[in-house]
Each structure stands twice: as C-alpha cells, then as structure tokens.
Amino acid sequence: MTPRAGLDTDAVVATAAGLADAHGLDAVSLTRLARELGVRPPSLYAHVAGLPDLRARLAARGAAELADALRSAAAGRARGDALHAVAAAYRRYALAHPGTYQALQRAPDLEGGQAGAALVDVVLAVLRGYGLRGHRAIHGARAVRAALHGFVLLETREGFGLPLTVEESYRRLVAILDRGLSAA
C-alpha cells in the first residue's frame, strides 16, 4: 500500500469518528482504520500511540463538537429557553454521532481535559441563569447530564416501546428539569 498523502492526526481521528458513528465504537480497531485510510496499521503510530490514545482523541473531538453545538444552541437564550435548546442540541448530536458520543461517555479523564471543561462550562453557564453556582450548579449539571444521557441511551437502545412520540417525552423531560432547576 502506498501511504496516503496528507494523512495527519486530524484525518485519522475524523476517519475513526466516521467508522464509530457508522459501525459502533467497538468496531473501531487500528487494523480497520488503517484499511479505511489505505495505509498499513504501523503507519498509524505516527499519529496515535495506540487504540486507547485514539479513543481518547475521539472523545476529545466529541466533547469539542458537542460543546460547540451546545454553545451555539444556548447563545442569546436564558433559563428554560436555553435549557430546551441545549437539550435538543445534545440529543441531536448523540443521535447523529452515536459512536463518537459513546467514546465521549467512556473517556475516564475527559473531565480534566480542555474539551471536557468546555462542555461543562456551557452547562454551567445555562445553570447560572437559574441562579445556581458552586456546588448547587455542579449538582444541577449532574442532574441535567444524567437525565439527557439516560434518555438518549434508552432511545438508542430502543427502550421506548409504547406508541407515544419520543419527541414529546423528551420535551416533557426537559420541562420537568426546567421546573426542578427553577426551584433548586
């Protein structure tokens, strides 16, 4: 195989994201990624230190993309409007990028990273609109994440079997969060 011209770390991670989103995170291996890129597996080590490093980079990419999506959704909005917009953007991202989203959830050190911090900062900014700061804001952020992630997880695993619209259930979940945060 001839090395692919222009191959860099960003291209490697972007291709891994595409594979993860199309086939699931567990389907991403260095061998499969190399085949997709038209290179031999050892060439990937010029860009990533191995599969754990690739997954960490994939998670960081996902955190940055999700933070950008949430930041854009929240722009110019406050309280319930911001929360509903952020929740909708969160769900859209998770459904459109299931493998990358899964990598983001599995990253053990993401909270300490710059991309993870940007993601948390967006949520904390929304919660400041509710007057939540310090420990109260952290508890609020955990509640929001648990609710949104739990819903998305159930949705992607076809956990909602009743003949009601999932969109309406999600809207109501966010409305409940809004009321709870308003009372916190």
N, C-alpha and C. Protein backbone atom coordinates (compact mmCIF):
# COMPACT_ATOMS: atom_id res chain seq x y z
N MET A 1 0.83 -1.19 0.00
CA MET A 1 0.00 0.00 0.00
C MET A 1 0.87 1.24 0.00
N THR A 2 0.49 2.19 -0.79
CA THR A 2 1.19 3.47 -0.83
C THR A 2 0.62 4.35 0.27
N PRO A 3 1.48 5.01 1.06
CA PRO A 3 0.96 5.89 2.10
C PRO A 3 0.08 6.98 1.49
N ARG A 4 -0.97 7.29 2.17
CA ARG A 4 -1.90 8.29 1.69
C ARG A 4 -1.33 9.68 1.94
N ALA A 5 -1.26 10.48 0.89
CA ALA A 5 -0.76 11.85 1.01
C ALA A 5 -1.69 12.67 1.89
N GLY A 6 -1.11 13.52 2.71
CA GLY A 6 -1.91 14.42 3.52
C GLY A 6 -2.49 13.80 4.77
N LEU A 7 -2.09 12.59 5.09
CA LEU A 7 -2.61 11.95 6.29
C LEU A 7 -2.00 12.61 7.52
N ASP A 8 -2.87 13.07 8.41
CA ASP A 8 -2.42 13.66 9.66
C ASP A 8 -3.32 13.16 10.79
N THR A 9 -3.01 13.56 11.99
CA THR A 9 -3.75 13.07 13.15
C THR A 9 -5.23 13.44 13.06
N ASP A 10 -5.54 14.65 12.62
CA ASP A 10 -6.94 15.05 12.49
C ASP A 10 -7.69 14.15 11.51
N ALA A 11 -7.05 13.81 10.40
CA ALA A 11 -7.69 12.93 9.41
C ALA A 11 -7.88 11.53 9.98
N VAL A 12 -6.92 11.06 10.75
CA VAL A 12 -7.03 9.73 11.38
C VAL A 12 -8.21 9.72 12.35
N VAL A 13 -8.30 10.74 13.19
CA VAL A 13 -9.38 10.80 14.19
C VAL A 13 -10.73 11.01 13.50
N ALA A 14 -10.77 11.83 12.47
CA ALA A 14 -12.02 12.05 11.73
C ALA A 14 -12.51 10.76 11.09
N THR A 15 -11.59 9.99 10.52
CA THR A 15 -11.97 8.72 9.91
C THR A 15 -12.44 7.74 10.98
N ALA A 16 -11.77 7.73 12.12
CA ALA A 16 -12.19 6.87 13.24
C ALA A 16 -13.59 7.27 13.70
N ALA A 17 -13.87 8.56 13.73
CA ALA A 17 -15.20 9.03 14.12
C ALA A 17 -16.26 8.53 13.14
N GLY A 18 -15.95 8.62 11.86
CA GLY A 18 -16.88 8.12 10.85
C GLY A 18 -17.15 6.63 11.00
N LEU A 19 -16.09 5.86 11.25
CA LEU A 19 -16.26 4.42 11.47
C LEU A 19 -17.10 4.15 12.72
N ALA A 20 -16.78 4.85 13.80
CA ALA A 20 -17.51 4.66 15.06
C ALA A 20 -18.98 5.01 14.90
N ASP A 21 -19.26 6.10 14.21
CA ASP A 21 -20.64 6.52 14.03
C ASP A 21 -21.42 5.58 13.12
N ALA A 22 -20.74 5.00 12.15
CA ALA A 22 -21.41 4.09 11.21
C ALA A 22 -21.54 2.67 11.74
N HIS A 23 -20.54 2.22 12.51
CA HIS A 23 -20.50 0.80 12.88
C HIS A 23 -20.41 0.55 14.38
N GLY A 24 -20.31 1.60 15.19
CA GLY A 24 -20.19 1.45 16.63
C GLY A 24 -18.75 1.59 17.07
N LEU A 25 -18.56 2.10 18.26
CA LEU A 25 -17.22 2.35 18.78
C LEU A 25 -16.40 1.07 18.87
N ASP A 26 -17.02 -0.02 19.26
CA ASP A 26 -16.27 -1.27 19.41
C ASP A 26 -15.79 -1.84 18.08
N ALA A 27 -16.34 -1.36 16.98
CA ALA A 27 -15.91 -1.82 15.66
C ALA A 27 -14.64 -1.11 15.19
N VAL A 28 -14.23 -0.07 15.90
CA VAL A 28 -13.04 0.69 15.51
C VAL A 28 -11.80 -0.01 16.07
N SER A 29 -10.97 -0.48 15.16
CA SER A 29 -9.67 -1.06 15.52
C SER A 29 -8.63 -0.37 14.66
N LEU A 30 -7.38 -0.49 15.05
CA LEU A 30 -6.32 0.13 14.24
C LEU A 30 -6.22 -0.55 12.88
N THR A 31 -6.47 -1.85 12.83
CA THR A 31 -6.43 -2.57 11.56
C THR A 31 -7.52 -2.07 10.62
N ARG A 32 -8.73 -1.96 11.15
CA ARG A 32 -9.85 -1.50 10.31
C ARG A 32 -9.64 -0.04 9.89
N LEU A 33 -9.16 0.76 10.81
CA LEU A 33 -8.92 2.17 10.50
C LEU A 33 -7.84 2.31 9.42
N ALA A 34 -6.77 1.52 9.54
CA ALA A 34 -5.70 1.56 8.54
C ALA A 34 -6.25 1.16 7.17
N ARG A 35 -7.06 0.11 7.15
CA ARG A 35 -7.66 -0.34 5.89
C ARG A 35 -8.51 0.78 5.28
N GLU A 36 -9.29 1.45 6.11
CA GLU A 36 -10.14 2.55 5.64
C GLU A 36 -9.31 3.70 5.08
N LEU A 37 -8.17 3.94 5.70
CA LEU A 37 -7.29 5.04 5.26
C LEU A 37 -6.35 4.64 4.13
N GLY A 38 -6.28 3.35 3.82
CA GLY A 38 -5.40 2.89 2.76
C GLY A 38 -3.93 2.87 3.16
N VAL A 39 -3.67 2.60 4.43
CA VAL A 39 -2.30 2.51 4.93
C VAL A 39 -2.14 1.22 5.72
N ARG A 40 -0.92 0.91 6.07
CA ARG A 40 -0.67 -0.26 6.93
C ARG A 40 -0.84 0.17 8.39
N PRO A 41 -1.30 -0.73 9.24
CA PRO A 41 -1.52 -0.38 10.65
C PRO A 41 -0.34 0.29 11.35
N PRO A 42 0.92 -0.15 11.13
CA PRO A 42 2.02 0.53 11.83
C PRO A 42 2.14 2.02 11.50
N SER A 43 1.66 2.44 10.30
CA SER A 43 1.73 3.87 9.94
C SER A 43 0.89 4.73 10.86
N LEU A 44 -0.13 4.15 11.47
CA LEU A 44 -1.00 4.94 12.35
C LEU A 44 -0.26 5.40 13.60
N TYR A 45 0.79 4.67 13.98
CA TYR A 45 1.52 5.02 15.20
C TYR A 45 2.30 6.34 15.05
N ALA A 46 2.39 6.85 13.85
CA ALA A 46 2.96 8.19 13.66
C ALA A 46 1.96 9.26 14.09
N HIS A 47 0.69 8.85 14.26
CA HIS A 47 -0.38 9.80 14.57
C HIS A 47 -1.04 9.56 15.92
N VAL A 48 -1.12 8.30 16.34
CA VAL A 48 -1.72 7.94 17.63
C VAL A 48 -0.83 6.89 18.30
N ALA A 49 -0.85 6.88 19.62
CA ALA A 49 0.02 5.96 20.37
C ALA A 49 -0.57 4.56 20.48
N GLY A 50 -1.78 4.38 20.00
CA GLY A 50 -2.44 3.08 20.08
C GLY A 50 -3.94 3.29 20.19
N LEU A 51 -4.67 2.21 20.37
CA LEU A 51 -6.13 2.30 20.42
C LEU A 51 -6.62 3.15 21.60
N PRO A 52 -6.07 3.01 22.81
CA PRO A 52 -6.54 3.89 23.89
C PRO A 52 -6.34 5.38 23.58
N ASP A 53 -5.21 5.72 22.97
CA ASP A 53 -4.96 7.11 22.59
C ASP A 53 -5.95 7.56 21.53
N LEU A 54 -6.22 6.71 20.55
CA LEU A 54 -7.19 7.04 19.51
C LEU A 54 -8.55 7.31 20.13
N ARG A 55 -8.97 6.45 21.05
CA ARG A 55 -10.28 6.64 21.69
C ARG A 55 -10.31 7.91 22.54
N ALA A 56 -9.21 8.23 23.20
CA ALA A 56 -9.15 9.47 23.98
C ALA A 56 -9.27 10.68 23.05
N ARG A 57 -8.59 10.62 21.91
CA ARG A 57 -8.67 11.72 20.94
C ARG A 57 -10.08 11.81 20.33
N LEU A 58 -10.69 10.67 20.11
CA LEU A 58 -12.06 10.64 19.60
C LEU A 58 -13.01 11.27 20.62
N ALA A 59 -12.82 10.95 21.89
CA ALA A 59 -13.65 11.53 22.96
C ALA A 59 -13.44 13.04 23.04
N ALA A 60 -12.20 13.49 22.94
CA ALA A 60 -11.92 14.92 22.99
C ALA A 60 -12.56 15.64 21.81
N ARG A 61 -12.50 15.00 20.64
CA ARG A 61 -13.16 15.56 19.45
C ARG A 61 -14.66 15.68 19.69
N GLY A 62 -15.25 14.61 20.22
CA GLY A 62 -16.68 14.62 20.51
C GLY A 62 -17.06 15.68 21.52
N ALA A 63 -16.25 15.83 22.56
CA ALA A 63 -16.53 16.85 23.58
C ALA A 63 -16.47 18.24 22.97
N ALA A 64 -15.49 18.48 22.12
CA ALA A 64 -15.36 19.80 21.49
C ALA A 64 -16.54 20.07 20.55
N GLU A 65 -16.91 19.07 19.76
CA GLU A 65 -18.05 19.23 18.84
C GLU A 65 -19.34 19.46 19.62
N LEU A 66 -19.55 18.65 20.66
CA LEU A 66 -20.77 18.79 21.45
C LEU A 66 -20.80 20.13 22.17
N ALA A 67 -19.67 20.56 22.71
CA ALA A 67 -19.61 21.87 23.38
C ALA A 67 -19.95 22.98 22.40
N ASP A 68 -19.42 22.91 21.18
CA ASP A 68 -19.75 23.92 20.16
C ASP A 68 -21.24 23.92 19.84
N ALA A 69 -21.82 22.73 19.71
CA ALA A 69 -23.25 22.63 19.39
C ALA A 69 -24.09 23.20 20.54
N LEU A 70 -23.73 22.88 21.76
CA LEU A 70 -24.49 23.38 22.92
C LEU A 70 -24.32 24.88 23.08
N ARG A 71 -23.10 25.37 22.87
CA ARG A 71 -22.83 26.81 22.98
C ARG A 71 -23.66 27.58 21.95
N SER A 72 -23.69 27.08 20.72
CA SER A 72 -24.49 27.73 19.67
C SER A 72 -25.97 27.71 20.02
N ALA A 73 -26.43 26.58 20.55
CA ALA A 73 -27.84 26.45 20.90
C ALA A 73 -28.23 27.41 22.02
N ALA A 74 -27.35 27.62 22.98
CA ALA A 74 -27.66 28.46 24.14
C ALA A 74 -27.51 29.95 23.85
N ALA A 75 -26.79 30.30 22.80
CA ALA A 75 -26.48 31.70 22.51
C ALA A 75 -27.75 32.56 22.47
N GLY A 76 -27.75 33.62 23.27
CA GLY A 76 -28.85 34.57 23.27
C GLY A 76 -30.09 34.08 24.00
N ARG A 77 -29.99 32.96 24.69
CA ARG A 77 -31.14 32.40 25.40
C ARG A 77 -30.83 32.33 26.89
N ALA A 78 -31.87 32.22 27.69
CA ALA A 78 -31.69 32.11 29.13
C ALA A 78 -32.70 31.13 29.72
N ARG A 79 -32.35 30.61 30.86
CA ARG A 79 -33.20 29.72 31.66
C ARG A 79 -33.83 28.62 30.81
N GLY A 80 -35.15 28.52 30.83
CA GLY A 80 -35.85 27.43 30.15
C GLY A 80 -35.59 27.39 28.66
N ASP A 81 -35.55 28.55 28.03
CA ASP A 81 -35.28 28.58 26.58
C ASP A 81 -33.89 28.02 26.29
N ALA A 82 -32.92 28.41 27.10
CA ALA A 82 -31.55 27.90 26.91
C ALA A 82 -31.50 26.41 27.20
N LEU A 83 -32.15 25.98 28.27
CA LEU A 83 -32.13 24.56 28.62
C LEU A 83 -32.77 23.71 27.53
N HIS A 84 -33.92 24.13 27.02
CA HIS A 84 -34.58 23.37 25.94
C HIS A 84 -33.71 23.33 24.69
N ALA A 85 -33.09 24.45 24.34
CA ALA A 85 -32.23 24.49 23.14
C ALA A 85 -31.00 23.61 23.32
N VAL A 86 -30.39 23.66 24.49
CA VAL A 86 -29.21 22.85 24.77
C VAL A 86 -29.58 21.37 24.77
N ALA A 87 -30.70 21.03 25.39
CA ALA A 87 -31.14 19.63 25.43
C ALA A 87 -31.42 19.10 24.03
N ALA A 88 -32.03 19.92 23.19
CA ALA A 88 -32.31 19.49 21.81
C ALA A 88 -31.00 19.28 21.05
N ALA A 89 -30.04 20.18 21.23
CA ALA A 89 -28.75 20.05 20.56
C ALA A 89 -28.00 18.82 21.06
N TYR A 90 -28.08 18.55 22.34
CA TYR A 90 -27.43 17.38 22.94
C TYR A 90 -27.99 16.10 22.30
N ARG A 91 -29.29 16.01 22.24
CA ARG A 91 -29.92 14.81 21.67
C ARG A 91 -29.60 14.67 20.19
N ARG A 92 -29.66 15.77 19.45
CA ARG A 92 -29.32 15.72 18.02
C ARG A 92 -27.91 15.20 17.82
N TYR A 93 -26.97 15.72 18.61
CA TYR A 93 -25.58 15.29 18.47
C TYR A 93 -25.45 13.80 18.78
N ALA A 94 -26.01 13.38 19.89
CA ALA A 94 -25.89 11.97 20.30
C ALA A 94 -26.49 11.03 19.27
N LEU A 95 -27.59 11.40 18.67
CA LEU A 95 -28.24 10.54 17.67
C LEU A 95 -27.51 10.58 16.33
N ALA A 96 -26.93 11.73 15.98
CA ALA A 96 -26.22 11.85 14.70
C ALA A 96 -24.82 11.26 14.76
N HIS A 97 -24.23 11.20 15.94
CA HIS A 97 -22.84 10.72 16.11
C HIS A 97 -22.77 9.67 17.22
N PRO A 98 -23.46 8.56 17.05
CA PRO A 98 -23.55 7.59 18.15
C PRO A 98 -22.22 7.01 18.62
N GLY A 99 -21.32 6.74 17.72
CA GLY A 99 -20.03 6.18 18.12
C GLY A 99 -19.15 7.19 18.82
N THR A 100 -19.12 8.40 18.29
CA THR A 100 -18.34 9.47 18.93
C THR A 100 -18.94 9.80 20.29
N TYR A 101 -20.26 9.83 20.36
CA TYR A 101 -20.93 10.08 21.63
C TYR A 101 -20.58 8.99 22.65
N GLN A 102 -20.54 7.76 22.20
CA GLN A 102 -20.18 6.66 23.08
C GLN A 102 -18.74 6.82 23.58
N ALA A 103 -17.84 7.23 22.72
CA ALA A 103 -16.45 7.46 23.13
C ALA A 103 -16.39 8.55 24.19
N LEU A 104 -17.19 9.57 24.01
CA LEU A 104 -17.25 10.68 24.96
C LEU A 104 -17.70 10.19 26.33
N GLN A 105 -18.63 9.27 26.38
CA GLN A 105 -19.13 8.77 27.65
C GLN A 105 -18.14 7.84 28.34
N ARG A 106 -17.28 7.20 27.57
CA ARG A 106 -16.32 6.24 28.12
C ARG A 106 -15.01 6.86 28.56
N ALA A 107 -14.77 8.10 28.22
CA ALA A 107 -13.46 8.72 28.48
C ALA A 107 -13.28 8.99 29.98
N PRO A 108 -12.35 8.27 30.63
CA PRO A 108 -12.19 8.42 32.07
C PRO A 108 -11.62 9.76 32.51
N ASP A 109 -10.78 10.37 31.69
CA ASP A 109 -10.13 11.61 32.10
C ASP A 109 -10.66 12.84 31.37
N LEU A 110 -11.83 12.72 30.75
CA LEU A 110 -12.36 13.82 29.95
C LEU A 110 -12.65 15.05 30.81
N GLU A 111 -13.15 14.84 32.03
CA GLU A 111 -13.49 15.98 32.87
C GLU A 111 -12.27 16.86 33.14
N GLY A 112 -11.09 16.27 33.18
CA GLY A 112 -9.89 17.04 33.43
C GLY A 112 -9.33 17.70 32.19
N GLY A 113 -9.81 17.33 31.02
CA GLY A 113 -9.29 17.86 29.78
C GLY A 113 -9.94 19.16 29.37
N GLN A 114 -9.30 19.85 28.45
CA GLN A 114 -9.79 21.14 27.97
C GLN A 114 -11.14 21.00 27.29
N ALA A 115 -11.31 19.97 26.45
CA ALA A 115 -12.57 19.78 25.75
C ALA A 115 -13.69 19.47 26.73
N GLY A 116 -13.40 18.63 27.71
CA GLY A 116 -14.40 18.30 28.72
C GLY A 116 -14.79 19.52 29.54
N ALA A 117 -13.80 20.35 29.86
CA ALA A 117 -14.06 21.57 30.62
C ALA A 117 -14.95 22.52 29.83
N ALA A 118 -14.74 22.62 28.53
CA ALA A 118 -15.57 23.49 27.69
C ALA A 118 -17.01 23.01 27.70
N LEU A 119 -17.20 21.72 27.67
CA LEU A 119 -18.54 21.14 27.69
C LEU A 119 -19.24 21.45 29.02
N VAL A 120 -18.53 21.26 30.11
CA VAL A 120 -19.08 21.55 31.44
C VAL A 120 -19.38 23.05 31.56
N ASP A 121 -18.51 23.89 31.03
CA ASP A 121 -18.70 25.34 31.12
C ASP A 121 -19.99 25.79 30.45
N VAL A 122 -20.34 25.17 29.34
CA VAL A 122 -21.59 25.54 28.65
C VAL A 122 -22.78 25.23 29.55
N VAL A 123 -22.79 24.06 30.14
CA VAL A 123 -23.91 23.66 31.00
C VAL A 123 -23.96 24.57 32.24
N LEU A 124 -22.80 24.85 32.82
CA LEU A 124 -22.78 25.73 34.00
C LEU A 124 -23.27 27.13 33.66
N ALA A 125 -22.97 27.60 32.45
CA ALA A 125 -23.46 28.93 32.03
C ALA A 125 -24.98 28.94 31.96
N VAL A 126 -25.56 27.86 31.45
CA VAL A 126 -27.03 27.77 31.41
C VAL A 126 -27.58 27.76 32.83
N LEU A 127 -26.94 27.03 33.72
CA LEU A 127 -27.42 26.91 35.10
C LEU A 127 -27.27 28.21 35.87
N ARG A 128 -26.31 29.05 35.49
CA ARG A 128 -26.20 30.37 36.14
C ARG A 128 -27.46 31.19 35.91
N GLY A 129 -28.12 30.96 34.79
CA GLY A 129 -29.38 31.63 34.52
C GLY A 129 -30.47 31.27 35.53
N TYR A 130 -30.30 30.15 36.18
CA TYR A 130 -31.23 29.72 37.24
C TYR A 130 -30.74 30.17 38.62
N GLY A 131 -29.64 30.91 38.65
CA GLY A 131 -29.08 31.35 39.92
C GLY A 131 -28.26 30.29 40.63
N LEU A 132 -27.91 29.22 39.91
CA LEU A 132 -27.14 28.14 40.52
C LEU A 132 -25.65 28.40 40.35
N ARG A 133 -24.93 28.30 41.46
CA ARG A 133 -23.48 28.49 41.44
C ARG A 133 -22.85 27.50 42.40
N GLY A 134 -21.54 27.32 42.25
CA GLY A 134 -20.81 26.45 43.17
C GLY A 134 -21.32 25.01 43.16
N HIS A 135 -21.43 24.46 44.37
CA HIS A 135 -21.87 23.07 44.49
C HIS A 135 -23.28 22.85 43.95
N ARG A 136 -24.15 23.83 44.11
CA ARG A 136 -25.52 23.70 43.60
C ARG A 136 -25.51 23.56 42.08
N ALA A 137 -24.63 24.31 41.43
CA ALA A 137 -24.53 24.22 39.97
C ALA A 137 -23.98 22.86 39.54
N ILE A 138 -23.00 22.33 40.27
CA ILE A 138 -22.44 21.02 39.93
C ILE A 138 -23.52 19.95 40.08
N HIS A 139 -24.28 20.00 41.16
CA HIS A 139 -25.37 19.03 41.33
C HIS A 139 -26.40 19.18 40.21
N GLY A 140 -26.69 20.42 39.84
CA GLY A 140 -27.63 20.66 38.74
C GLY A 140 -27.10 20.12 37.42
N ALA A 141 -25.81 20.33 37.16
CA ALA A 141 -25.20 19.82 35.92
C ALA A 141 -25.24 18.30 35.88
N ARG A 142 -24.99 17.68 37.02
CA ARG A 142 -25.06 16.21 37.06
C ARG A 142 -26.48 15.72 36.79
N ALA A 143 -27.46 16.42 37.34
CA ALA A 143 -28.85 16.03 37.11
C ALA A 143 -29.22 16.18 35.63
N VAL A 144 -28.81 17.28 35.03
CA VAL A 144 -29.09 17.51 33.61
C VAL A 144 -28.42 16.43 32.77
N ARG A 145 -27.16 16.18 33.02
CA ARG A 145 -26.44 15.16 32.23
C ARG A 145 -27.08 13.79 32.41
N ALA A 146 -27.39 13.42 33.64
CA ALA A 146 -27.98 12.11 33.89
C ALA A 146 -29.31 11.96 33.16
N ALA A 147 -30.13 12.99 33.20
CA ALA A 147 -31.43 12.93 32.54
C ALA A 147 -31.29 12.85 31.02
N LEU A 148 -30.48 13.73 30.44
CA LEU A 148 -30.33 13.75 28.99
C LEU A 148 -29.65 12.49 28.48
N HIS A 149 -28.56 12.09 29.14
CA HIS A 149 -27.85 10.89 28.72
C HIS A 149 -28.73 9.65 28.90
N GLY A 150 -29.41 9.57 30.01
CA GLY A 150 -30.28 8.42 30.25
C GLY A 150 -31.35 8.29 29.18
N PHE A 151 -31.94 9.41 28.80
CA PHE A 151 -32.97 9.39 27.77
C PHE A 151 -32.39 8.93 26.44
N VAL A 152 -31.26 9.53 26.06
CA VAL A 152 -30.62 9.18 24.79
C VAL A 152 -30.22 7.71 24.78
N LEU A 153 -29.69 7.24 25.89
CA LEU A 153 -29.29 5.83 25.98
C LEU A 153 -30.49 4.91 25.77
N LEU A 154 -31.58 5.20 26.44
CA LEU A 154 -32.79 4.39 26.25
C LEU A 154 -33.30 4.48 24.82
N GLU A 155 -33.27 5.68 24.26
CA GLU A 155 -33.75 5.87 22.89
C GLU A 155 -32.91 5.08 21.89
N THR A 156 -31.59 5.14 22.03
CA THR A 156 -30.73 4.45 21.07
C THR A 156 -30.77 2.94 21.24
N ARG A 157 -31.18 2.49 22.39
CA ARG A 157 -31.30 1.04 22.62
C ARG A 157 -32.75 0.56 22.49
N GLU A 158 -33.56 1.42 21.86
CA GLU A 158 -34.97 1.11 21.59
C GLU A 158 -35.71 0.74 22.87
N GLY A 159 -35.46 1.52 23.91
CA GLY A 159 -36.07 1.28 25.20
C GLY A 159 -37.44 1.91 25.38
N PHE A 160 -37.91 2.60 24.37
CA PHE A 160 -39.23 3.22 24.45
C PHE A 160 -40.16 2.50 23.48
N GLY A 161 -40.95 1.58 23.99
CA GLY A 161 -41.78 0.77 23.12
C GLY A 161 -43.23 1.21 23.02
N LEU A 162 -43.67 2.07 23.90
CA LEU A 162 -45.07 2.49 23.88
C LEU A 162 -45.34 3.40 22.69
N PRO A 163 -46.57 3.39 22.19
CA PRO A 163 -46.89 4.16 20.98
C PRO A 163 -47.12 5.65 21.25
N LEU A 164 -46.18 6.28 21.91
CA LEU A 164 -46.21 7.72 22.13
C LEU A 164 -44.95 8.31 21.50
N THR A 165 -45.02 9.57 21.09
CA THR A 165 -43.85 10.14 20.44
C THR A 165 -42.71 10.36 21.43
N VAL A 166 -41.55 9.95 21.02
CA VAL A 166 -40.35 10.11 21.84
C VAL A 166 -40.03 11.60 21.97
N GLU A 167 -40.28 12.36 20.92
CA GLU A 167 -40.00 13.80 20.96
C GLU A 167 -40.80 14.48 22.07
N GLU A 168 -42.06 14.12 22.19
CA GLU A 168 -42.90 14.71 23.24
C GLU A 168 -42.41 14.30 24.62
N SER A 169 -42.00 13.06 24.77
CA SER A 169 -41.46 12.60 26.06
C SER A 169 -40.19 13.38 26.41
N TYR A 170 -39.34 13.62 25.42
CA TYR A 170 -38.10 14.36 25.66
C TYR A 170 -38.41 15.80 26.05
N ARG A 171 -39.35 16.41 25.33
CA ARG A 171 -39.74 17.78 25.64
C ARG A 171 -40.25 17.87 27.08
N ARG A 172 -41.05 16.89 27.48
CA ARG A 172 -41.59 16.89 28.84
C ARG A 172 -40.49 16.67 29.88
N LEU A 173 -39.54 15.82 29.57
CA LEU A 173 -38.41 15.60 30.48
C LEU A 173 -37.67 16.92 30.72
N VAL A 174 -37.41 17.64 29.65
CA VAL A 174 -36.69 18.91 29.78
C VAL A 174 -37.54 19.93 30.54
N ALA A 175 -38.85 19.92 30.33
CA ALA A 175 -39.73 20.82 31.08
C ALA A 175 -39.69 20.50 32.57
N ILE A 176 -39.63 19.22 32.91
CA ILE A 176 -39.51 18.82 34.32
C ILE A 176 -38.17 19.29 34.89
N LEU A 177 -37.10 19.14 34.12
CA LEU A 177 -35.79 19.64 34.55
C LEU A 177 -35.85 21.15 34.78
N ASP A 178 -36.49 21.86 33.87
CA ASP A 178 -36.61 23.31 33.97
C ASP A 178 -37.31 23.70 35.28
N ARG A 179 -38.41 23.03 35.57
CA ARG A 179 -39.14 23.33 36.81
C ARG A 179 -38.28 22.99 38.03
N GLY A 180 -37.60 21.88 37.98
CA GLY A 180 -36.75 21.49 39.11
C GLY A 180 -35.60 22.46 39.33
N LEU A 181 -34.96 22.87 38.24
CA LEU A 181 -33.86 23.82 38.36
C LEU A 181 -34.35 25.19 38.85
N SER A 182 -35.56 25.56 38.44
CA SER A 182 -36.14 26.83 38.90
C SER A 182 -36.39 26.81 40.40
N ALA A 183 -36.67 25.64 40.94
CA ALA A 183 -36.96 25.51 42.37
C ALA A 183 -35.70 25.23 43.21
N ALA A 184 -34.60 24.93 42.54
CA ALA A 184 -33.39 24.50 43.28
C ALA A 184 -32.74 25.59 44.06
